Amino acid sequence: MDARQIMNVYLIQSTDCLKPYAIQNAIVVARDRNTAIKKFSKELRHNPYGSQSYRPTWFSCRKINTNKPKMLIQYGGDTWQFDEVKYEQE
């Protein structure tokens, strides 16, 4: 087996607006989804502003295809998630 592992990029986002200083979004590079969630869960537990925990109903986790051009933007204010920028075809 090749010593180099293929890594993937995962976007983990809260499914609702959270209180100030709560971790609500993360971009995690990991071998697989379970490892990404495990790393994210550890960060939630060690948040210096207040311990959090991971629940699938509280956070979504999606793999970002790095072989396809894409832009994700998070706006300020009442928004809390990254949205994919979609362009209209001319």
N, C-alpha and C. Protein backbone atom coordinates (compact mmCIF):
# COMPACT_ATOMS: atom_id res chain seq x y z
N MET A 1 0.83 -1.18 0.00
CA MET A 1 0.00 0.00 0.00
C MET A 1 0.88 1.25 0.00
N ASP A 2 0.48 2.26 -0.76
CA ASP A 2 1.22 3.51 -0.85
C ASP A 2 1.17 4.23 0.49
N ALA A 3 2.34 4.71 0.95
CA ALA A 3 2.41 5.40 2.24
C ALA A 3 1.67 6.73 2.21
N ARG A 4 1.54 7.30 1.02
CA ARG A 4 0.81 8.57 0.90
C ARG A 4 -0.68 8.29 0.87
N GLN A 5 -1.39 8.90 1.78
CA GLN A 5 -2.83 8.73 1.84
C GLN A 5 -3.50 9.86 1.07
N ILE A 6 -4.54 9.54 0.35
CA ILE A 6 -5.31 10.58 -0.32
C ILE A 6 -6.16 11.28 0.74
N MET A 7 -6.05 12.60 0.76
CA MET A 7 -6.79 13.39 1.73
C MET A 7 -7.97 14.06 1.02
N ASN A 8 -9.02 14.28 1.77
CA ASN A 8 -10.23 14.92 1.26
C ASN A 8 -10.52 16.17 2.09
N VAL A 9 -11.33 17.06 1.52
CA VAL A 9 -11.72 18.29 2.20
C VAL A 9 -13.20 18.19 2.55
N TYR A 10 -13.51 18.46 3.81
CA TYR A 10 -14.89 18.40 4.30
C TYR A 10 -15.30 19.74 4.88
N LEU A 11 -16.51 20.17 4.55
CA LEU A 11 -17.09 21.38 5.11
C LEU A 11 -18.12 20.95 6.15
N ILE A 12 -17.88 21.32 7.39
CA ILE A 12 -18.81 21.00 8.48
C ILE A 12 -19.43 22.31 8.94
N GLN A 13 -20.77 22.34 8.96
CA GLN A 13 -21.48 23.57 9.29
C GLN A 13 -22.61 23.29 10.28
N SER A 14 -22.86 24.26 11.13
CA SER A 14 -23.98 24.13 12.04
C SER A 14 -25.27 24.25 11.23
N THR A 15 -26.30 23.59 11.68
CA THR A 15 -27.59 23.65 10.99
C THR A 15 -28.47 24.77 11.54
N ASP A 16 -27.96 25.51 12.50
CA ASP A 16 -28.71 26.63 13.08
C ASP A 16 -27.72 27.68 13.56
N CYS A 17 -28.19 28.89 13.74
CA CYS A 17 -27.35 29.97 14.25
C CYS A 17 -27.00 29.67 15.71
N LEU A 18 -25.74 29.85 16.08
CA LEU A 18 -25.30 29.50 17.42
C LEU A 18 -24.99 30.74 18.25
N LYS A 19 -24.81 30.51 19.54
CA LYS A 19 -24.49 31.62 20.44
C LYS A 19 -23.08 32.14 20.14
N PRO A 20 -22.78 33.37 20.58
CA PRO A 20 -21.45 33.93 20.33
C PRO A 20 -20.34 33.01 20.84
N TYR A 21 -19.27 32.94 20.10
CA TYR A 21 -18.06 32.18 20.40
C TYR A 21 -18.22 30.66 20.25
N ALA A 22 -19.39 30.21 19.86
CA ALA A 22 -19.55 28.78 19.60
C ALA A 22 -18.92 28.48 18.23
N ILE A 23 -18.33 27.31 18.11
CA ILE A 23 -17.79 26.88 16.82
C ILE A 23 -18.97 26.48 15.96
N GLN A 24 -19.09 27.10 14.79
CA GLN A 24 -20.24 26.77 13.96
C GLN A 24 -19.86 26.23 12.58
N ASN A 25 -18.67 26.52 12.09
CA ASN A 25 -18.24 26.02 10.78
C ASN A 25 -16.78 25.62 10.83
N ALA A 26 -16.43 24.64 10.02
CA ALA A 26 -15.03 24.22 9.94
C ALA A 26 -14.77 23.61 8.57
N ILE A 27 -13.56 23.77 8.11
CA ILE A 27 -13.08 23.07 6.93
C ILE A 27 -12.01 22.12 7.43
N VAL A 28 -12.23 20.83 7.22
CA VAL A 28 -11.34 19.80 7.77
C VAL A 28 -10.76 18.98 6.63
N VAL A 29 -9.46 18.77 6.67
CA VAL A 29 -8.79 17.90 5.71
C VAL A 29 -8.52 16.58 6.43
N ALA A 30 -9.07 15.50 5.86
CA ALA A 30 -8.94 14.18 6.50
C ALA A 30 -9.06 13.08 5.44
N ARG A 31 -8.71 11.86 5.82
CA ARG A 31 -8.80 10.73 4.90
C ARG A 31 -10.25 10.40 4.54
N ASP A 32 -11.15 10.50 5.54
CA ASP A 32 -12.54 10.13 5.29
C ASP A 32 -13.47 10.96 6.18
N ARG A 33 -14.75 10.84 5.93
CA ARG A 33 -15.77 11.62 6.65
C ARG A 33 -15.73 11.35 8.15
N ASN A 34 -15.62 10.09 8.54
CA ASN A 34 -15.60 9.75 9.97
C ASN A 34 -14.42 10.39 10.69
N THR A 35 -13.27 10.41 10.05
CA THR A 35 -12.09 11.04 10.65
C THR A 35 -12.29 12.54 10.75
N ALA A 36 -12.88 13.15 9.73
CA ALA A 36 -13.16 14.59 9.77
C ALA A 36 -14.09 14.93 10.93
N ILE A 37 -15.14 14.16 11.09
CA ILE A 37 -16.09 14.41 12.19
C ILE A 37 -15.41 14.19 13.54
N LYS A 38 -14.57 13.18 13.63
CA LYS A 38 -13.86 12.92 14.88
C LYS A 38 -12.96 14.11 15.25
N LYS A 39 -12.22 14.63 14.28
CA LYS A 39 -11.35 15.80 14.53
C LYS A 39 -12.19 17.01 14.94
N PHE A 40 -13.30 17.24 14.24
CA PHE A 40 -14.17 18.36 14.54
C PHE A 40 -14.77 18.22 15.94
N SER A 41 -15.21 17.03 16.28
CA SER A 41 -15.79 16.78 17.61
C SER A 41 -14.79 17.10 18.72
N LYS A 42 -13.54 16.74 18.49
CA LYS A 42 -12.49 17.03 19.48
C LYS A 42 -12.34 18.53 19.67
N GLU A 43 -12.35 19.29 18.58
CA GLU A 43 -12.25 20.75 18.68
C GLU A 43 -13.46 21.33 19.43
N LEU A 44 -14.63 20.79 19.17
CA LEU A 44 -15.83 21.27 19.87
C LEU A 44 -15.69 21.08 21.38
N ARG A 45 -15.22 19.92 21.78
CA ARG A 45 -15.06 19.63 23.22
C ARG A 45 -14.03 20.53 23.87
N HIS A 46 -13.03 20.96 23.09
CA HIS A 46 -11.95 21.77 23.66
C HIS A 46 -12.08 23.26 23.36
N ASN A 47 -13.25 23.70 22.93
CA ASN A 47 -13.49 25.12 22.68
C ASN A 47 -13.29 25.89 23.98
N PRO A 48 -12.32 26.81 24.04
CA PRO A 48 -12.04 27.52 25.29
C PRO A 48 -13.19 28.43 25.74
N TYR A 49 -14.14 28.70 24.85
CA TYR A 49 -15.25 29.58 25.19
C TYR A 49 -16.49 28.82 25.66
N GLY A 50 -16.41 27.51 25.69
CA GLY A 50 -17.53 26.70 26.15
C GLY A 50 -17.57 25.38 25.41
N SER A 51 -17.67 24.31 26.14
CA SER A 51 -17.67 22.97 25.56
C SER A 51 -18.92 22.74 24.71
N GLN A 52 -18.73 22.14 23.56
CA GLN A 52 -19.81 21.78 22.66
C GLN A 52 -19.69 20.29 22.35
N SER A 53 -20.71 19.76 21.69
CA SER A 53 -20.63 18.37 21.25
C SER A 53 -21.22 18.26 19.85
N TYR A 54 -20.82 17.22 19.14
CA TYR A 54 -21.28 16.99 17.78
C TYR A 54 -22.52 16.10 17.79
N ARG A 55 -23.53 16.50 17.05
CA ARG A 55 -24.71 15.69 16.79
C ARG A 55 -25.04 15.86 15.32
N PRO A 56 -25.36 14.78 14.61
CA PRO A 56 -25.66 14.89 13.18
C PRO A 56 -26.82 15.84 12.88
N THR A 57 -27.73 16.02 13.82
CA THR A 57 -28.83 16.96 13.60
C THR A 57 -28.40 18.40 13.84
N TRP A 58 -27.27 18.61 14.49
CA TRP A 58 -26.78 19.96 14.78
C TRP A 58 -25.77 20.46 13.76
N PHE A 59 -25.11 19.53 13.06
CA PHE A 59 -24.07 19.89 12.09
C PHE A 59 -24.21 19.04 10.83
N SER A 60 -23.99 19.67 9.68
CA SER A 60 -23.93 18.92 8.43
C SER A 60 -22.46 18.76 8.06
N CYS A 61 -22.16 17.70 7.33
CA CYS A 61 -20.79 17.44 6.89
C CYS A 61 -20.85 17.01 5.44
N ARG A 62 -20.18 17.78 4.59
CA ARG A 62 -20.17 17.39 3.18
C ARG A 62 -18.76 17.46 2.62
N LYS A 63 -18.48 16.52 1.76
CA LYS A 63 -17.19 16.44 1.09
C LYS A 63 -17.17 17.44 -0.05
N ILE A 64 -16.09 18.21 -0.14
CA ILE A 64 -15.94 19.18 -1.21
C ILE A 64 -15.11 18.53 -2.32
N ASN A 65 -15.67 18.53 -3.51
CA ASN A 65 -14.97 17.98 -4.66
C ASN A 65 -13.91 18.98 -5.10
N THR A 66 -12.66 18.66 -4.86
CA THR A 66 -11.57 19.57 -5.22
C THR A 66 -11.15 19.46 -6.69
N ASN A 67 -11.78 18.56 -7.42
CA ASN A 67 -11.50 18.42 -8.84
C ASN A 67 -12.44 19.25 -9.70
N LYS A 68 -13.37 19.95 -9.06
CA LYS A 68 -14.36 20.76 -9.77
C LYS A 68 -14.28 22.19 -9.23
N PRO A 69 -14.18 23.19 -10.11
CA PRO A 69 -14.14 24.56 -9.63
C PRO A 69 -15.37 24.88 -8.79
N LYS A 70 -15.15 25.56 -7.68
CA LYS A 70 -16.25 25.87 -6.77
C LYS A 70 -15.82 27.02 -5.89
N MET A 71 -16.79 27.84 -5.49
CA MET A 71 -16.53 28.89 -4.52
C MET A 71 -17.63 28.84 -3.48
N LEU A 72 -17.22 28.84 -2.21
CA LEU A 72 -18.16 28.88 -1.10
C LEU A 72 -17.91 30.18 -0.34
N ILE A 73 -18.98 30.90 -0.05
CA ILE A 73 -18.86 32.19 0.62
C ILE A 73 -19.76 32.20 1.86
N GLN A 74 -19.23 32.76 2.94
CA GLN A 74 -20.04 32.96 4.14
C GLN A 74 -20.20 34.46 4.32
N TYR A 75 -21.45 34.90 4.37
CA TYR A 75 -21.76 36.31 4.55
C TYR A 75 -21.90 36.62 6.03
N GLY A 76 -21.72 37.87 6.42
CA GLY A 76 -21.87 38.29 7.81
C GLY A 76 -23.33 38.46 8.19
N GLY A 77 -23.53 39.02 9.35
CA GLY A 77 -24.89 39.27 9.83
C GLY A 77 -25.53 38.01 10.37
N ASP A 78 -26.78 37.79 9.99
CA ASP A 78 -27.53 36.66 10.53
C ASP A 78 -27.24 35.34 9.83
N THR A 79 -26.39 35.36 8.80
CA THR A 79 -26.07 34.10 8.13
C THR A 79 -25.01 33.35 8.95
N TRP A 80 -25.00 32.08 8.85
CA TRP A 80 -24.02 31.30 9.61
C TRP A 80 -23.41 30.18 8.78
N GLN A 81 -23.84 30.02 7.55
CA GLN A 81 -23.32 28.94 6.73
C GLN A 81 -22.68 29.46 5.45
N PHE A 82 -21.80 28.65 4.91
CA PHE A 82 -21.22 28.94 3.60
C PHE A 82 -22.26 28.56 2.55
N ASP A 83 -22.39 29.38 1.54
CA ASP A 83 -23.26 29.10 0.41
C ASP A 83 -22.41 28.95 -0.83
N GLU A 84 -22.77 28.00 -1.67
CA GLU A 84 -22.05 27.83 -2.92
C GLU A 84 -22.47 28.93 -3.89
N VAL A 85 -21.50 29.55 -4.50
CA VAL A 85 -21.79 30.58 -5.50
C VAL A 85 -22.17 29.88 -6.78
N LYS A 86 -23.34 30.23 -7.30
CA LYS A 86 -23.81 29.64 -8.55
C LYS A 86 -23.93 30.74 -9.58
N TYR A 87 -23.42 30.48 -10.75
CA TYR A 87 -23.43 31.46 -11.82
C TYR A 87 -24.45 31.05 -12.88
N GLU A 88 -25.20 32.03 -13.36
CA GLU A 88 -26.16 31.75 -14.42
C GLU A 88 -25.43 31.57 -15.74
N GLN A 89 -25.91 30.67 -16.55
CA GLN A 89 -25.34 30.46 -17.87
C GLN A 89 -25.80 31.57 -18.79
N GLU A 90 -24.90 32.15 -19.55
CA GLU A 90 -25.27 33.22 -20.49
C GLU A 90 -25.68 32.64 -21.82
